[in-house]
Amino acid sequence: MSTPVLTDRQRETLSLIARHTEATGLPPTVRELAARLGGLSTNAVMELLERLERKGCLTRLPRKARGLVVTGEGLRALGGAS
């Protein structure tokens, strides 16, 4: 399977999620991501997350504020192991 091609913003977002999860044991909320991505709107962050999910890099757990999970595809796209 080929590694998904990510835009710079998508790579930055995925990296933030992976680093935050590794550092704290919990993924960031949409609002935390918005703040860390330079004050984007939560709607813009949701669009980024939807695109990452469509590319297979991210799984979102329904009805969970911290329901973001970087997949093996996402780790490969970041250059890490699965």
N, C-alpha and C. Protein backbone atom coordinates (compact mmCIF):
# COMPACT_ATOMS: atom_id res chain seq x y z
N MET A 1 0.85 -1.18 0.00
CA MET A 1 0.00 0.00 0.00
C MET A 1 0.90 1.24 0.00
N SER A 2 0.54 2.22 -0.81
CA SER A 2 1.35 3.43 -0.89
C SER A 2 1.05 4.37 0.27
N THR A 3 2.06 5.12 0.63
CA THR A 3 1.92 6.09 1.71
C THR A 3 1.12 7.29 1.20
N PRO A 4 0.13 7.76 1.96
CA PRO A 4 -0.66 8.91 1.51
C PRO A 4 0.19 10.17 1.39
N VAL A 5 -0.12 10.96 0.40
CA VAL A 5 0.55 12.25 0.21
C VAL A 5 -0.20 13.30 1.01
N LEU A 6 0.52 13.99 1.89
CA LEU A 6 -0.09 14.99 2.75
C LEU A 6 0.40 16.38 2.40
N THR A 7 -0.48 17.36 2.56
CA THR A 7 -0.06 18.76 2.43
C THR A 7 0.75 19.11 3.67
N ASP A 8 1.43 20.23 3.62
CA ASP A 8 2.21 20.67 4.78
C ASP A 8 1.31 20.84 6.01
N ARG A 9 0.13 21.44 5.82
CA ARG A 9 -0.80 21.67 6.93
C ARG A 9 -1.31 20.34 7.48
N GLN A 10 -1.62 19.39 6.61
CA GLN A 10 -2.08 18.08 7.07
C GLN A 10 -0.98 17.37 7.86
N ARG A 11 0.25 17.44 7.36
CA ARG A 11 1.39 16.82 8.05
C ARG A 11 1.59 17.47 9.43
N GLU A 12 1.49 18.80 9.48
CA GLU A 12 1.64 19.53 10.74
C GLU A 12 0.56 19.11 11.74
N THR A 13 -0.67 19.01 11.26
CA THR A 13 -1.79 18.62 12.12
C THR A 13 -1.62 17.21 12.65
N LEU A 14 -1.28 16.29 11.77
CA LEU A 14 -1.09 14.90 12.17
C LEU A 14 0.07 14.77 13.16
N SER A 15 1.12 15.51 12.91
CA SER A 15 2.27 15.50 13.81
C SER A 15 1.91 16.05 15.19
N LEU A 16 1.14 17.14 15.23
CA LEU A 16 0.69 17.70 16.51
C LEU A 16 -0.14 16.67 17.30
N ILE A 17 -1.02 15.97 16.60
CA ILE A 17 -1.86 14.97 17.27
C ILE A 17 -0.98 13.86 17.83
N ALA A 18 -0.06 13.35 17.02
CA ALA A 18 0.81 12.25 17.45
C ALA A 18 1.70 12.67 18.63
N ARG A 19 2.30 13.86 18.55
CA ARG A 19 3.19 14.32 19.63
C ARG A 19 2.42 14.57 20.92
N HIS A 20 1.25 15.19 20.82
CA HIS A 20 0.43 15.48 22.01
C HIS A 20 0.00 14.18 22.67
N THR A 21 -0.40 13.21 21.86
CA THR A 21 -0.84 11.92 22.40
C THR A 21 0.31 11.21 23.09
N GLU A 22 1.48 11.24 22.48
CA GLU A 22 2.66 10.60 23.08
C GLU A 22 3.07 11.28 24.38
N ALA A 23 3.00 12.61 24.40
CA ALA A 23 3.45 13.36 25.58
C ALA A 23 2.48 13.28 26.75
N THR A 24 1.17 13.27 26.46
CA THR A 24 0.18 13.36 27.54
C THR A 24 -0.63 12.09 27.74
N GLY A 25 -0.58 11.20 26.76
CA GLY A 25 -1.40 9.99 26.84
C GLY A 25 -2.81 10.20 26.31
N LEU A 26 -3.12 11.44 25.92
CA LEU A 26 -4.44 11.77 25.38
C LEU A 26 -4.26 12.61 24.12
N PRO A 27 -5.10 12.42 23.11
CA PRO A 27 -5.02 13.30 21.94
C PRO A 27 -5.57 14.69 22.28
N PRO A 28 -5.21 15.69 21.49
CA PRO A 28 -5.73 17.03 21.74
C PRO A 28 -7.20 17.15 21.33
N THR A 29 -7.88 18.14 21.87
CA THR A 29 -9.24 18.44 21.43
C THR A 29 -9.15 19.28 20.15
N VAL A 30 -10.26 19.45 19.49
CA VAL A 30 -10.31 20.28 18.28
C VAL A 30 -9.91 21.72 18.62
N ARG A 31 -10.39 22.22 19.75
CA ARG A 31 -10.03 23.60 20.15
C ARG A 31 -8.53 23.74 20.43
N GLU A 32 -7.93 22.73 21.07
CA GLU A 32 -6.49 22.77 21.31
C GLU A 32 -5.73 22.77 19.99
N LEU A 33 -6.16 21.95 19.04
CA LEU A 33 -5.52 21.94 17.72
C LEU A 33 -5.66 23.30 17.05
N ALA A 34 -6.85 23.87 17.11
CA ALA A 34 -7.08 25.18 16.48
C ALA A 34 -6.10 26.22 17.02
N ALA A 35 -5.91 26.23 18.33
CA ALA A 35 -4.99 27.19 18.95
C ALA A 35 -3.55 26.93 18.53
N ARG A 36 -3.16 25.67 18.48
CA ARG A 36 -1.78 25.32 18.12
C ARG A 36 -1.48 25.52 16.64
N LEU A 37 -2.51 25.55 15.83
CA LEU A 37 -2.33 25.74 14.39
C LEU A 37 -2.49 27.21 14.00
N GLY A 38 -2.21 28.08 14.92
CA GLY A 38 -2.21 29.51 14.61
C GLY A 38 -3.57 30.17 14.68
N GLY A 39 -4.45 29.64 15.50
CA GLY A 39 -5.74 30.27 15.68
C GLY A 39 -6.74 29.97 14.58
N LEU A 40 -6.62 28.82 13.94
CA LEU A 40 -7.62 28.41 12.95
C LEU A 40 -8.98 28.29 13.62
N SER A 41 -10.02 28.37 12.83
CA SER A 41 -11.35 28.13 13.37
C SER A 41 -11.52 26.63 13.62
N THR A 42 -12.42 26.29 14.52
CA THR A 42 -12.67 24.87 14.77
C THR A 42 -13.24 24.21 13.52
N ASN A 43 -13.96 24.96 12.70
CA ASN A 43 -14.48 24.41 11.45
C ASN A 43 -13.34 24.05 10.50
N ALA A 44 -12.33 24.89 10.41
CA ALA A 44 -11.17 24.61 9.56
C ALA A 44 -10.44 23.36 10.05
N VAL A 45 -10.31 23.23 11.36
CA VAL A 45 -9.66 22.04 11.93
C VAL A 45 -10.49 20.79 11.62
N MET A 46 -11.81 20.89 11.74
CA MET A 46 -12.66 19.75 11.43
C MET A 46 -12.49 19.32 9.97
N GLU A 47 -12.35 20.27 9.07
CA GLU A 47 -12.12 19.94 7.66
C GLU A 47 -10.78 19.23 7.48
N LEU A 48 -9.75 19.70 8.17
CA LEU A 48 -8.45 19.04 8.12
C LEU A 48 -8.55 17.60 8.63
N LEU A 49 -9.26 17.41 9.73
CA LEU A 49 -9.40 16.08 10.30
C LEU A 49 -10.18 15.16 9.35
N GLU A 50 -11.20 15.69 8.70
CA GLU A 50 -11.97 14.89 7.73
C GLU A 50 -11.09 14.44 6.58
N ARG A 51 -10.25 15.32 6.09
CA ARG A 51 -9.35 14.95 4.99
C ARG A 51 -8.34 13.90 5.43
N LEU A 52 -7.80 14.06 6.63
CA LEU A 52 -6.85 13.06 7.15
C LEU A 52 -7.53 11.70 7.34
N GLU A 53 -8.77 11.74 7.76
CA GLU A 53 -9.52 10.49 7.94
C GLU A 53 -9.77 9.83 6.58
N ARG A 54 -10.14 10.61 5.57
CA ARG A 54 -10.37 10.06 4.23
C ARG A 54 -9.10 9.44 3.65
N LYS A 55 -7.95 10.01 3.99
CA LYS A 55 -6.67 9.48 3.50
C LYS A 55 -6.20 8.27 4.30
N GLY A 56 -6.94 7.93 5.36
CA GLY A 56 -6.59 6.76 6.16
C GLY A 56 -5.53 7.02 7.21
N CYS A 57 -5.22 8.28 7.48
CA CYS A 57 -4.17 8.63 8.43
C CYS A 57 -4.69 8.82 9.85
N LEU A 58 -5.98 8.92 10.00
CA LEU A 58 -6.58 9.26 11.28
C LEU A 58 -7.91 8.56 11.43
N THR A 59 -8.20 8.13 12.64
CA THR A 59 -9.51 7.58 12.97
C THR A 59 -10.09 8.49 14.04
N ARG A 60 -11.37 8.81 13.89
CA ARG A 60 -12.05 9.63 14.89
C ARG A 60 -13.12 8.80 15.56
N LEU A 61 -13.10 8.79 16.88
CA LEU A 61 -14.10 8.07 17.65
C LEU A 61 -15.31 8.98 17.84
N PRO A 62 -16.49 8.51 17.48
CA PRO A 62 -17.68 9.38 17.56
C PRO A 62 -17.99 9.79 18.99
N ARG A 63 -18.46 11.01 19.13
CA ARG A 63 -18.92 11.57 20.41
C ARG A 63 -17.83 11.59 21.49
N LYS A 64 -16.58 11.69 21.08
CA LYS A 64 -15.47 11.78 22.04
C LYS A 64 -14.70 13.08 21.77
N ALA A 65 -14.55 13.91 22.78
CA ALA A 65 -13.82 15.17 22.62
C ALA A 65 -12.35 14.92 22.27
N ARG A 66 -11.82 13.83 22.78
CA ARG A 66 -10.42 13.48 22.51
C ARG A 66 -10.34 12.16 21.75
N GLY A 67 -11.19 12.02 20.76
CA GLY A 67 -11.31 10.77 20.04
C GLY A 67 -10.50 10.69 18.76
N LEU A 68 -9.29 11.22 18.76
CA LEU A 68 -8.43 11.20 17.57
C LEU A 68 -7.36 10.14 17.74
N VAL A 69 -7.24 9.26 16.74
CA VAL A 69 -6.24 8.19 16.79
C VAL A 69 -5.46 8.20 15.47
N VAL A 70 -4.15 8.39 15.56
CA VAL A 70 -3.30 8.32 14.37
C VAL A 70 -3.15 6.86 13.99
N THR A 71 -3.43 6.52 12.74
CA THR A 71 -3.36 5.14 12.28
C THR A 71 -1.93 4.78 11.85
N GLY A 72 -1.74 3.52 11.52
CA GLY A 72 -0.44 3.09 10.98
C GLY A 72 -0.10 3.83 9.70
N GLU A 73 -1.11 4.06 8.85
CA GLU A 73 -0.91 4.85 7.63
C GLU A 73 -0.43 6.25 7.98
N GLY A 74 -1.03 6.82 9.01
CA GLY A 74 -0.63 8.16 9.44
C GLY A 74 0.80 8.20 9.92
N LEU A 75 1.20 7.19 10.68
CA LEU A 75 2.57 7.13 11.16
C LEU A 75 3.56 6.97 9.98
N ARG A 76 3.17 6.14 9.02
CA ARG A 76 4.04 5.99 7.82
C ARG A 76 4.15 7.31 7.07
N ALA A 77 3.04 8.05 6.96
CA ALA A 77 3.06 9.34 6.28
C ALA A 77 3.97 10.34 6.99
N LEU A 78 4.09 10.17 8.30
CA LEU A 78 4.97 11.04 9.08
C LEU A 78 6.41 10.56 9.07
N GLY A 79 6.61 9.37 8.52
CA GLY A 79 7.96 8.82 8.45
C GLY A 79 8.31 7.91 9.59
N GLY A 80 7.31 7.52 10.40
CA GLY A 80 7.54 6.61 11.52
C GLY A 80 7.12 5.20 11.18
N ALA A 81 7.35 4.32 12.10
CA ALA A 81 6.94 2.92 11.93
C ALA A 81 5.49 2.75 12.34
N SER A 82 4.87 1.70 11.86
CA SER A 82 3.48 1.44 12.24
C SER A 82 3.38 0.60 13.47
